[in-house]
Amino acid sequence: FLAELFVGRDASGRNLIAQWLGAHADTIAHPLFWYQFLTAGFVHESQGSNQVTHILFNMLGLYCFGMPLEDRYGHREFLRFYLIAVVLGFVFWSASNYALIGQRGHGMLCYGASGGVTAVTLLFCLLYPRATILASFLSTATTASR
């Protein structure tokens, strides 16, 4: 994310790092570019304040739901699960887009940690179905005035 701020964009306005590390719709058909299934999980759009909040909520979800899973399975197993979830998410995305669009979809990109975070959240829900999740973003001053 920070590297994207410094590297910049090409003449057509595309993010250079995302073009190199993000998963393309036809990556599944090019084995030399399969590294993108992993690296795409560590790339994110750097333009706009909405993107920063998206990253922050992804990391908050990973922290809140990932900690109990890491405690249960250990550091290595949790990391293995997360990285496999990221890779499989991009493989599925690329394979389905390649099947539907074919070579025309080369310009389509997918990147970000959302697939891995979603897998962590789903595993948490399956293992702890009765867990209480407290989600209140109101300050105490706002709550007290009501």
C-alpha atoms as a PDB file:
ATOM      1  CA  PHE A   1       0.000   0.000   0.000  1.00  0.00           C
ATOM      2  CA  LEU A   2       2.750   2.431   0.943  1.00  0.00           C
ATOM      3  CA  ALA A   3       4.889   1.413  -2.033  1.00  0.00           C
ATOM      4  CA  GLU A   4       1.979   2.214  -4.333  1.00  0.00           C
ATOM      5  CA  LEU A   5       1.969   5.776  -3.058  1.00  0.00           C
ATOM      6  CA  PHE A   6       5.594   6.229  -4.143  1.00  0.00           C
ATOM      7  CA  VAL A   7       5.685   4.228  -7.388  1.00  0.00           C
ATOM      8  CA  GLY A   8       2.740   5.950  -9.021  1.00  0.00           C
ATOM      9  CA  ARG A   9       0.761   5.170 -12.143  1.00  0.00           C
ATOM     10  CA  ASP A  10       1.416   4.647 -15.829  1.00  0.00           C
ATOM     11  CA  ALA A  11       0.266   6.967 -18.622  1.00  0.00           C
ATOM     12  CA  SER A  12      -3.229   5.431 -18.670  1.00  0.00           C
ATOM     13  CA  GLY A  13      -3.631   5.943 -14.898  1.00  0.00           C
ATOM     14  CA  ARG A  14      -3.245   2.301 -13.881  1.00  0.00           C
ATOM     15  CA  ASN A  15      -1.464   1.417 -10.668  1.00  0.00           C
ATOM     16  CA  LEU A  16       1.931  -0.076 -11.628  1.00  0.00           C
ATOM     17  CA  ILE A  17       2.373  -2.268  -8.547  1.00  0.00           C
ATOM     18  CA  ALA A  18      -1.164  -3.608  -8.828  1.00  0.00           C
ATOM     19  CA  GLN A  19      -0.542  -4.435 -12.491  1.00  0.00           C
ATOM     20  CA  TRP A  20       2.571  -6.421 -11.586  1.00  0.00           C
ATOM     21  CA  LEU A  21       1.434  -8.105  -8.341  1.00  0.00           C
ATOM     22  CA  GLY A  22      -2.371  -8.234  -8.667  1.00  0.00           C
ATOM     23  CA  ALA A  23      -4.196 -11.252 -10.059  1.00  0.00           C
ATOM     24  CA  HIS A  24      -5.487 -10.831 -13.608  1.00  0.00           C
ATOM     25  CA  ALA A  25      -8.542 -12.563 -15.012  1.00  0.00           C
ATOM     26  CA  ASP A  26      -6.291 -14.739 -17.196  1.00  0.00           C
ATOM     27  CA  THR A  27      -3.558 -15.467 -14.622  1.00  0.00           C
ATOM     28  CA  ILE A  28      -4.878 -19.017 -14.294  1.00  0.00           C
ATOM     29  CA  ALA A  29      -3.826 -19.653 -17.916  1.00  0.00           C
ATOM     30  CA  HIS A  30      -0.247 -18.404 -17.420  1.00  0.00           C
ATOM     31  CA  PRO A  31       1.723 -20.570 -14.939  1.00  0.00           C
ATOM     32  CA  LEU A  32       4.667 -18.142 -14.882  1.00  0.00           C
ATOM     33  CA  PHE A  33       2.374 -15.584 -13.250  1.00  0.00           C
ATOM     34  CA  TRP A  34       0.869 -17.838 -10.591  1.00  0.00           C
ATOM     35  CA  TYR A  35       2.878 -15.947  -7.952  1.00  0.00           C
ATOM     36  CA  GLN A  36       0.186 -13.273  -8.366  1.00  0.00           C
ATOM     37  CA  PHE A  37      -2.301 -15.488  -6.529  1.00  0.00           C
ATOM     38  CA  LEU A  38      -0.283 -14.873  -3.370  1.00  0.00           C
ATOM     39  CA  THR A  39       1.062 -11.372  -3.964  1.00  0.00           C
ATOM     40  CA  ALA A  40      -2.381 -10.003  -4.841  1.00  0.00           C
ATOM     41  CA  GLY A  41      -3.358 -10.472  -1.203  1.00  0.00           C
ATOM     42  CA  PHE A  42      -0.791  -7.883  -0.181  1.00  0.00           C
ATOM     43  CA  VAL A  43      -1.677  -5.230  -2.770  1.00  0.00           C
ATOM     44  CA  HIS A  44      -4.381  -2.635  -2.324  1.00  0.00           C
ATOM     45  CA  GLU A  45      -5.546   0.479  -4.125  1.00  0.00           C
ATOM     46  CA  SER A  46      -3.902   3.558  -2.662  1.00  0.00           C
ATOM     47  CA  GLN A  47      -6.239   6.207  -4.083  1.00  0.00           C
ATOM     48  CA  GLY A  48      -9.077   7.667  -2.040  1.00  0.00           C
ATOM     49  CA  SER A  49      -9.930   7.810   1.641  1.00  0.00           C
ATOM     50  CA  ASN A  50     -12.502   5.033   1.202  1.00  0.00           C
ATOM     51  CA  GLN A  51      -9.647   2.645   0.384  1.00  0.00           C
ATOM     52  CA  VAL A  52      -7.872   3.465   3.654  1.00  0.00           C
ATOM     53  CA  THR A  53     -11.005   2.739   5.690  1.00  0.00           C
ATOM     54  CA  HIS A  54     -11.480  -0.511   3.749  1.00  0.00           C
ATOM     55  CA  ILE A  55      -7.964  -1.616   4.694  1.00  0.00           C
ATOM     56  CA  LEU A  56      -8.487  -0.592   8.326  1.00  0.00           C
ATOM     57  CA  PHE A  57     -11.717  -2.592   8.611  1.00  0.00           C
ATOM     58  CA  ASN A  58     -10.067  -5.594   6.951  1.00  0.00           C
ATOM     59  CA  MET A  59      -7.258  -5.467   9.481  1.00  0.00           C
ATOM     60  CA  LEU A  60      -9.697  -4.938  12.363  1.00  0.00           C
ATOM     61  CA  GLY A  61     -11.638  -8.023  11.255  1.00  0.00           C
ATOM     62  CA  LEU A  62      -8.444 -10.025  10.895  1.00  0.00           C
ATOM     63  CA  TYR A  63      -7.357  -8.954  14.373  1.00  0.00           C
ATOM     64  CA  CYS A  64     -10.705  -9.586  16.112  1.00  0.00           C
ATOM     65  CA  PHE A  65     -11.574 -12.890  14.467  1.00  0.00           C
ATOM     66  CA  GLY A  66      -8.035 -14.112  13.856  1.00  0.00           C
ATOM     67  CA  MET A  67      -6.725 -13.909  17.411  1.00  0.00           C
ATOM     68  CA  PRO A  68      -8.970 -16.682  18.825  1.00  0.00           C
ATOM     69  CA  LEU A  69      -8.174 -18.852  15.800  1.00  0.00           C
ATOM     70  CA  GLU A  70      -4.457 -18.244  16.203  1.00  0.00           C
ATOM     71  CA  ASP A  71      -4.729 -19.174  19.884  1.00  0.00           C
ATOM     72  CA  ARG A  72      -6.578 -22.362  18.963  1.00  0.00           C
ATOM     73  CA  TYR A  73      -4.396 -23.514  16.046  1.00  0.00           C
ATOM     74  CA  GLY A  74      -1.053 -21.823  16.677  1.00  0.00           C
ATOM     75  CA  HIS A  75       0.868 -19.247  14.665  1.00  0.00           C
ATOM     76  CA  ARG A  76       2.034 -21.464  11.831  1.00  0.00           C
ATOM     77  CA  GLU A  77      -1.266 -23.236  11.228  1.00  0.00           C
ATOM     78  CA  PHE A  78      -3.210 -19.970  11.295  1.00  0.00           C
ATOM     79  CA  LEU A  79      -0.780 -18.352   8.860  1.00  0.00           C
ATOM     80  CA  ARG A  80      -1.013 -21.407   6.607  1.00  0.00           C
ATOM     81  CA  PHE A  81      -4.826 -21.248   6.673  1.00  0.00           C
ATOM     82  CA  TYR A  82      -4.871 -17.514   5.919  1.00  0.00           C
ATOM     83  CA  LEU A  83      -2.409 -17.712   3.016  1.00  0.00           C
ATOM     84  CA  ILE A  84      -4.159 -20.735   1.497  1.00  0.00           C
ATOM     85  CA  ALA A  85      -7.477 -18.878   1.750  1.00  0.00           C
ATOM     86  CA  VAL A  86      -5.958 -15.863  -0.026  1.00  0.00           C
ATOM     87  CA  VAL A  87      -4.491 -18.012  -2.803  1.00  0.00           C
ATOM     88  CA  LEU A  88      -7.649 -20.092  -3.309  1.00  0.00           C
ATOM     89  CA  GLY A  89      -9.792 -16.958  -3.420  1.00  0.00           C
ATOM     90  CA  PHE A  90      -7.732 -15.503  -6.251  1.00  0.00           C
ATOM     91  CA  VAL A  91      -7.480 -18.855  -8.069  1.00  0.00           C
ATOM     92  CA  PHE A  92     -11.265 -19.172  -7.997  1.00  0.00           C
ATOM     93  CA  TRP A  93     -11.717 -15.558  -9.149  1.00  0.00           C
ATOM     94  CA  SER A  94      -9.235 -15.933 -12.001  1.00  0.00           C
ATOM     95  CA  ALA A  95     -10.556 -19.320 -13.125  1.00  0.00           C
ATOM     96  CA  SER A  96     -14.184 -18.199 -13.141  1.00  0.00           C
ATOM     97  CA  ASN A  97     -13.393 -14.956 -14.981  1.00  0.00           C
ATOM     98  CA  TYR A  98     -11.175 -16.744 -17.475  1.00  0.00           C
ATOM     99  CA  ALA A  99     -13.932 -19.268 -18.152  1.00  0.00           C
ATOM    100  CA  LEU A 100     -16.493 -16.506 -18.668  1.00  0.00           C
ATOM    101  CA  ILE A 101     -14.404 -13.819 -20.371  1.00  0.00           C
ATOM    102  CA  GLY A 102     -11.258 -15.536 -21.665  1.00  0.00           C
ATOM    103  CA  GLN A 103      -8.239 -13.607 -22.931  1.00  0.00           C
ATOM    104  CA  ARG A 104     -10.276 -10.395 -23.191  1.00  0.00           C
ATOM    105  CA  GLY A 105     -10.196 -10.123 -19.392  1.00  0.00           C
ATOM    106  CA  HIS A 106      -6.447  -9.506 -19.111  1.00  0.00           C
ATOM    107  CA  GLY A 107      -6.990  -5.907 -18.026  1.00  0.00           C
ATOM    108  CA  MET A 108      -9.265  -6.967 -15.160  1.00  0.00           C
ATOM    109  CA  LEU A 109      -7.492  -7.003 -11.799  1.00  0.00           C
ATOM    110  CA  CYS A 110      -8.340  -8.404  -8.398  1.00  0.00           C
ATOM    111  CA  TYR A 111      -6.333  -7.665  -5.279  1.00  0.00           C
ATOM    112  CA  GLY A 112      -6.676  -7.143  -1.551  1.00  0.00           C
ATOM    113  CA  ALA A 113      -6.962  -9.133   1.655  1.00  0.00           C
ATOM    114  CA  SER A 114     -10.756  -9.424   1.707  1.00  0.00           C
ATOM    115  CA  GLY A 115     -10.839 -13.073   0.605  1.00  0.00           C
ATOM    116  CA  GLY A 116      -8.511 -14.167   3.394  1.00  0.00           C
ATOM    117  CA  VAL A 117     -10.304 -12.040   5.978  1.00  0.00           C
ATOM    118  CA  THR A 118     -13.652 -13.484   4.873  1.00  0.00           C
ATOM    119  CA  ALA A 119     -12.304 -17.024   5.274  1.00  0.00           C
ATOM    120  CA  VAL A 120     -11.017 -16.184   8.770  1.00  0.00           C
ATOM    121  CA  THR A 121     -14.393 -14.680   9.701  1.00  0.00           C
ATOM    122  CA  LEU A 122     -16.279 -17.722   8.396  1.00  0.00           C
ATOM    123  CA  LEU A 123     -14.010 -20.148  10.256  1.00  0.00           C
ATOM    124  CA  PHE A 124     -14.508 -18.123  13.445  1.00  0.00           C
ATOM    125  CA  CYS A 125     -18.295 -18.281  12.977  1.00  0.00           C
ATOM    126  CA  LEU A 126     -18.188 -22.041  12.403  1.00  0.00           C
ATOM    127  CA  LEU A 127     -16.004 -22.728  15.443  1.00  0.00           C
ATOM    128  CA  TYR A 128     -17.644 -20.236  17.806  1.00  0.00           C
ATOM    129  CA  PRO A 129     -21.322 -20.061  16.768  1.00  0.00           C
ATOM    130  CA  ARG A 130     -22.436 -18.739  20.153  1.00  0.00           C
ATOM    131  CA  ALA A 131     -19.748 -16.075  20.531  1.00  0.00           C
ATOM    132  CA  THR A 132     -20.923 -12.610  21.485  1.00  0.00           C
ATOM    133  CA  ILE A 133     -19.519  -9.917  19.242  1.00  0.00           C
ATOM    134  CA  LEU A 134     -19.688  -6.411  20.625  1.00  0.00           C
ATOM    135  CA  ALA A 135     -19.607  -3.876  17.812  1.00  0.00           C
ATOM    136  CA  SER A 136     -20.247  -0.366  19.018  1.00  0.00           C
ATOM    137  CA  PHE A 137     -18.447   2.519  17.415  1.00  0.00           C
ATOM    138  CA  LEU A 138     -20.292   5.199  19.373  1.00  0.00           C
ATOM    139  CA  SER A 139     -18.376   7.218  21.907  1.00  0.00           C
ATOM    140  CA  THR A 140     -19.563   7.279  25.515  1.00  0.00           C
ATOM    141  CA  ALA A 141     -20.412  10.985  25.197  1.00  0.00           C
ATOM    142  CA  THR A 142     -22.761  10.251  22.277  1.00  0.00           C
ATOM    143  CA  THR A 143     -24.375   7.332  24.095  1.00  0.00           C
ATOM    144  CA  ALA A 144     -24.833   9.284  27.334  1.00  0.00           C
ATOM    145  CA  SER A 145     -26.616  12.165  25.603  1.00  0.00           C
ATOM    146  CA  ARG A 146     -29.433   9.938  24.291  1.00  0.00           C
END
